[in-house]
C-alpha atoms as a PDB file:
ATOM      1  CA  UNK A   1      -0.078   0.114   0.059  1.00  0.00           C
ATOM      2  CA  UNK A   2       2.909   2.342   0.765  1.00  0.00           C
ATOM      3  CA  UNK A   3       4.379   1.733  -2.510  1.00  0.00           C
ATOM      4  CA  UNK A   4       1.378   2.591  -4.486  1.00  0.00           C
ATOM      5  CA  UNK A   5       0.949   5.997  -2.307  1.00  0.00           C
ATOM      6  CA  UNK A   6       4.592   6.736  -3.102  1.00  0.00           C
ATOM      7  CA  UNK A   7       4.334   6.294  -6.728  1.00  0.00           C
ATOM      8  CA  UNK A   8       1.091   8.148  -6.756  1.00  0.00           C
ATOM      9  CA  UNK A   9       2.842  11.118  -4.890  1.00  0.00           C
ATOM     10  CA  UNK A  10       5.669  10.846  -7.350  1.00  0.00           C
ATOM     11  CA  UNK A  11       3.306  10.861 -10.316  1.00  0.00           C
ATOM     12  CA  UNK A  12       1.546  14.081  -8.818  1.00  0.00           C
ATOM     13  CA  UNK A  13       4.954  15.886  -8.356  1.00  0.00           C
ATOM     14  CA  UNK A  14       5.825  15.295 -11.907  1.00  0.00           C
ATOM     15  CA  UNK A  15       2.479  16.251 -13.248  1.00  0.00           C
ATOM     16  CA  UNK A  16       2.737  19.652 -11.306  1.00  0.00           C
ATOM     17  CA  UNK A  17       6.106  20.246 -12.603  1.00  0.00           C
ATOM     18  CA  UNK A  18       5.024  19.592 -16.144  1.00  0.00           C
ATOM     19  CA  UNK A  19       2.201  22.014 -15.629  1.00  0.00           C
ATOM     20  CA  UNK A  20       4.405  24.907 -14.265  1.00  0.00           C
ATOM     21  CA  UNK A  21       6.755  24.274 -17.305  1.00  0.00           C
ATOM     22  CA  UNK A  22       4.030  24.439 -19.856  1.00  0.00           C
ATOM     23  CA  UNK A  23       2.931  27.868 -18.135  1.00  0.00           C
ATOM     24  CA  UNK A  24       6.457  29.207 -18.287  1.00  0.00           C
ATOM     25  CA  UNK A  25       6.899  28.240 -22.098  1.00  0.00           C
ATOM     26  CA  UNK A  26       3.356  29.710 -22.814  1.00  0.00           C
ATOM     27  CA  UNK A  27       4.241  32.911 -20.916  1.00  0.00           C
ATOM     28  CA  UNK A  28       7.543  33.450 -22.719  1.00  0.00           C
ATOM     29  CA  UNK A  29       6.179  32.632 -26.233  1.00  0.00           C
ATOM     30  CA  UNK A  30       3.450  35.173 -25.504  1.00  0.00           C
ATOM     31  CA  UNK A  31       5.994  38.052 -24.376  1.00  0.00           C
ATOM     32  CA  UNK A  32       8.100  37.201 -27.535  1.00  0.00           C
ATOM     33  CA  UNK A  33       5.040  37.689 -29.727  1.00  0.00           C
ATOM     34  CA  UNK A  34       3.891  40.786 -27.714  1.00  0.00           C
ATOM     35  CA  UNK A  35       7.440  42.527 -28.239  1.00  0.00           C
ATOM     36  CA  UNK A  36       7.307  41.501 -32.072  1.00  0.00           C
ATOM     37  CA  UNK A  37       4.039  43.223 -32.286  1.00  0.00           C
ATOM     38  CA  UNK A  38       5.229  46.282 -30.519  1.00  0.00           C
ATOM     39  CA  UNK A  39       8.242  46.500 -32.850  1.00  0.00           C
ATOM     40  CA  UNK A  40       6.139  46.176 -35.805  1.00  0.00           C
ATOM     41  CA  UNK A  41       3.439  48.713 -34.775  1.00  0.00           C
ATOM     42  CA  UNK A  42       5.583  51.455 -33.336  1.00  0.00           C
ATOM     43  CA  UNK A  43       8.945  50.784 -34.874  1.00  0.00           C
ATOM     44  CA  UNK A  44      12.485  50.869 -33.205  1.00  0.00           C
ATOM     45  CA  UNK A  45      12.290  54.379 -31.819  1.00  0.00           C
ATOM     46  CA  UNK A  46       9.551  53.848 -29.354  1.00  0.00           C
ATOM     47  CA  UNK A  47      10.167  51.404 -26.339  1.00  0.00           C
ATOM     48  CA  UNK A  48       6.736  51.170 -24.919  1.00  0.00           C
ATOM     49  CA  UNK A  49       3.955  49.115 -26.643  1.00  0.00           C
ATOM     50  CA  UNK A  50       0.692  50.873 -26.441  1.00  0.00           C
ATOM     51  CA  UNK A  51      -2.135  48.963 -24.519  1.00  0.00           C
ATOM     52  CA  UNK A  52      -5.437  48.932 -25.939  1.00  0.00           C
ATOM     53  CA  UNK A  53      -7.523  51.509 -24.116  1.00  0.00           C
ATOM     54  CA  UNK A  54     -11.039  50.299 -23.525  1.00  0.00           C
ATOM     55  CA  UNK A  55     -13.549  52.997 -22.568  1.00  0.00           C
ATOM     56  CA  UNK A  56     -15.575  52.126 -19.630  1.00  0.00           C
ATOM     57  CA  UNK A  57     -19.193  53.106 -20.201  1.00  0.00           C
ATOM     58  CA  UNK A  58     -21.168  52.999 -16.868  1.00  0.00           C
ATOM     59  CA  UNK A  59     -25.117  53.023 -17.302  1.00  0.00           C
ATOM     60  CA  UNK A  60     -26.842  55.002 -14.787  1.00  0.00           C
ATOM     61  CA  UNK A  61     -30.246  54.250 -14.171  1.00  0.00           C
ATOM     62  CA  UNK A  62     -32.714  57.337 -14.760  1.00  0.00           C
ATOM     63  CA  UNK A  63     -34.446  56.756 -11.501  1.00  0.00           C
ATOM     64  CA  UNK A  64     -31.163  57.196  -9.550  1.00  0.00           C
ATOM     65  CA  UNK A  65     -30.502  60.558 -11.465  1.00  0.00           C
ATOM     66  CA  UNK A  66     -34.160  61.473 -10.444  1.00  0.00           C
ATOM     67  CA  UNK A  67     -33.553  60.623  -7.005  1.00  0.00           C
ATOM     68  CA  UNK A  68     -30.499  62.679  -6.628  1.00  0.00           C
ATOM     69  CA  UNK A  69     -32.357  65.695  -8.118  1.00  0.00           C
ATOM     70  CA  UNK A  70     -35.368  65.130  -6.003  1.00  0.00           C
ATOM     71  CA  UNK A  71     -33.419  65.013  -2.823  1.00  0.00           C
ATOM     72  CA  UNK A  72     -31.584  68.205  -3.863  1.00  0.00           C
ATOM     73  CA  UNK A  73     -34.681  69.969  -4.850  1.00  0.00           C
ATOM     74  CA  UNK A  74     -36.140  68.955  -1.322  1.00  0.00           C
ATOM     75  CA  UNK A  75     -33.035  70.493   0.383  1.00  0.00           C
ATOM     76  CA  UNK A  76     -33.289  73.605  -1.553  1.00  0.00           C
ATOM     77  CA  UNK A  77     -36.806  74.110  -0.770  1.00  0.00           C
ATOM     78  CA  UNK A  78     -36.129  73.598   3.046  1.00  0.00           C
ATOM     79  CA  UNK A  79     -33.881  76.652   2.795  1.00  0.00           C
ATOM     80  CA  UNK A  80     -31.579  75.394   5.554  1.00  0.00           C
ATOM     81  CA  UNK A  81     -29.488  78.159   6.799  1.00  0.00           C
ATOM     82  CA  UNK A  82     -27.350  76.839   9.614  1.00  0.00           C
ATOM     83  CA  UNK A  83     -23.868  78.141   9.770  1.00  0.00           C
ATOM     84  CA  UNK A  84     -22.726  76.098  12.792  1.00  0.00           C
ATOM     85  CA  UNK A  85     -19.947  73.599  11.538  1.00  0.00           C
ATOM     86  CA  UNK A  86     -20.875  70.950  14.167  1.00  0.00           C
ATOM     87  CA  UNK A  87     -24.079  70.458  12.141  1.00  0.00           C
ATOM     88  CA  UNK A  88     -22.094  69.683   9.102  1.00  0.00           C
ATOM     89  CA  UNK A  89     -22.027  65.740   9.696  1.00  0.00           C
ATOM     90  CA  UNK A  90     -25.657  65.715  10.603  1.00  0.00           C
ATOM     91  CA  UNK A  91     -26.748  67.505   7.369  1.00  0.00           C
ATOM     92  CA  UNK A  92     -24.287  65.346   5.247  1.00  0.00           C
ATOM     93  CA  UNK A  93     -25.456  61.976   6.703  1.00  0.00           C
ATOM     94  CA  UNK A  94     -29.272  62.907   6.346  1.00  0.00           C
ATOM     95  CA  UNK A  95     -29.106  63.745   2.838  1.00  0.00           C
ATOM     96  CA  UNK A  96     -26.640  61.049   1.871  1.00  0.00           C
ATOM     97  CA  UNK A  97     -29.047  58.440   3.385  1.00  0.00           C
ATOM     98  CA  UNK A  98     -31.701  59.563   0.908  1.00  0.00           C
ATOM     99  CA  UNK A  99     -29.395  59.689  -2.276  1.00  0.00           C
ATOM    100  CA  UNK A 100     -28.491  56.882  -4.596  1.00  0.00           C
ATOM    101  CA  UNK A 101     -25.742  54.215  -3.299  1.00  0.00           C
ATOM    102  CA  UNK A 102     -23.039  55.562  -5.594  1.00  0.00           C
ATOM    103  CA  UNK A 103     -23.307  59.226  -4.381  1.00  0.00           C
ATOM    104  CA  UNK A 104     -20.297  60.665  -3.013  1.00  0.00           C
ATOM    105  CA  UNK A 105     -19.679  63.397  -0.422  1.00  0.00           C
ATOM    106  CA  UNK A 106     -17.018  65.560   1.130  1.00  0.00           C
ATOM    107  CA  UNK A 107     -16.876  68.161   4.004  1.00  0.00           C
ATOM    108  CA  UNK A 108     -14.189  70.787   3.564  1.00  0.00           C
ATOM    109  CA  UNK A 109     -13.078  73.273   6.292  1.00  0.00           C
ATOM    110  CA  UNK A 110     -11.827  76.258   4.422  1.00  0.00           C
ATOM    111  CA  UNK A 111      -9.994  79.438   5.800  1.00  0.00           C
ATOM    112  CA  UNK A 112     -11.760  81.953   8.069  1.00  0.00           C
ATOM    113  CA  UNK A 113     -14.369  79.827   9.367  1.00  0.00           C
ATOM    114  CA  UNK A 114     -15.764  78.805   6.046  1.00  0.00           C
ATOM    115  CA  UNK A 115     -16.747  75.325   5.235  1.00  0.00           C
ATOM    116  CA  UNK A 116     -18.858  73.390   2.576  1.00  0.00           C
ATOM    117  CA  UNK A 117     -20.470  70.083   2.005  1.00  0.00           C
ATOM    118  CA  UNK A 118     -20.189  68.684  -1.429  1.00  0.00           C
ATOM    119  CA  UNK A 119     -22.271  65.905  -2.891  1.00  0.00           C
ATOM    120  CA  UNK A 120     -21.774  64.424  -6.343  1.00  0.00           C
ATOM    121  CA  UNK A 121     -23.342  61.713  -8.421  1.00  0.00           C
ATOM    122  CA  UNK A 122     -21.638  61.360 -11.961  1.00  0.00           C
ATOM    123  CA  UNK A 123     -22.371  64.905 -13.624  1.00  0.00           C
ATOM    124  CA  UNK A 124     -24.911  65.887 -10.895  1.00  0.00           C
ATOM    125  CA  UNK A 125     -23.908  67.919  -7.776  1.00  0.00           C
ATOM    126  CA  UNK A 126     -25.071  69.625  -4.796  1.00  0.00           C
ATOM    127  CA  UNK A 127     -23.120  72.150  -2.676  1.00  0.00           C
ATOM    128  CA  UNK A 128     -23.870  73.477   0.681  1.00  0.00           C
ATOM    129  CA  UNK A 129     -21.285  76.507   1.137  1.00  0.00           C
ATOM    130  CA  UNK A 130     -21.292  78.527   4.542  1.00  0.00           C
ATOM    131  CA  UNK A 131     -19.213  81.535   4.049  1.00  0.00           C
ATOM    132  CA  UNK A 132     -18.406  85.005   5.484  1.00  0.00           C
ATOM    133  CA  UNK A 133     -21.427  86.512   3.687  1.00  0.00           C
ATOM    134  CA  UNK A 134     -23.976  83.871   4.404  1.00  0.00           C
ATOM    135  CA  UNK A 135     -25.282  80.359   3.181  1.00  0.00           C
ATOM    136  CA  UNK A 136     -25.289  79.498  -0.553  1.00  0.00           C
ATOM    137  CA  UNK A 137     -26.788  76.120  -1.969  1.00  0.00           C
ATOM    138  CA  UNK A 138     -26.053  75.231  -5.682  1.00  0.00           C
ATOM    139  CA  UNK A 139     -27.453  72.304  -7.407  1.00  0.00           C
ATOM    140  CA  UNK A 140     -26.630  71.137 -10.922  1.00  0.00           C
ATOM    141  CA  UNK A 141     -29.196  68.758 -12.133  1.00  0.00           C
ATOM    142  CA  UNK A 142     -28.864  65.846 -14.628  1.00  0.00           C
ATOM    143  CA  UNK A 143     -29.656  68.135 -17.555  1.00  0.00           C
ATOM    144  CA  UNK A 144     -27.069  70.582 -16.655  1.00  0.00           C
ATOM    145  CA  UNK A 145     -28.926  73.401 -15.234  1.00  0.00           C
ATOM    146  CA  UNK A 146     -27.938  75.068 -12.179  1.00  0.00           C
ATOM    147  CA  UNK A 147     -30.266  76.043  -9.049  1.00  0.00           C
ATOM    148  CA  UNK A 148     -29.215  78.294  -6.484  1.00  0.00           C
ATOM    149  CA  UNK A 149     -30.432  79.361  -3.128  1.00  0.00           C
ATOM    150  CA  UNK A 150     -28.715  82.240  -1.138  1.00  0.00           C
ATOM    151  CA  UNK A 151     -29.406  83.322   2.447  1.00  0.00           C
ATOM    152  CA  UNK A 152     -27.081  86.490   2.907  1.00  0.00           C
ATOM    153  CA  UNK A 153     -25.981  87.541   6.444  1.00  0.00           C
ATOM    154  CA  UNK A 154     -25.017  91.190   5.360  1.00  0.00           C
END
C-alpha cells in the first residue's frame, strides 16, 4: 500500500512540474509575440507598446438621477441656513442616506471659518457652502441646469 501511495505522490509531483513548465513556456512565447508586435506597430524608436484602451461606459439608471435631483430639490426647498460647523456631519448624513448608493460626499473646512459640504453623483452635484457673507446652496441637475439658493448675512 505504501508503494502505491509513493508512486502516486511521485506521479503528482511530476504532473505539477510539467504544468508549471508548460505555463512558463506559454508565457515566454506570449512575451516574444507581444514584443514583436510592438516593434512592428511602433518601430524601433519607441520602447513602450501601447495597451489597448477600453472606454468604460457605466450606465446610470434614470431613477437614480431623478432621486438625486429630488433630494436636492427638497433640500433647496427647506432653505436650510445653519452656519454651525458642528451640524455639517448631521446635514451630510441625512442627505446621503436619501441619495443613490453611488453618491459621494465630502466636507471641506476652509479659511476664516468657512466650510462646505459637497455631494456628487456622476455629472450632478449639490453644494452647501457657508461663508463670510451667508449660506449658499447650488445644485446642478442631470440636464446641466444650475439651481441656487442664497441666505445672505449682510
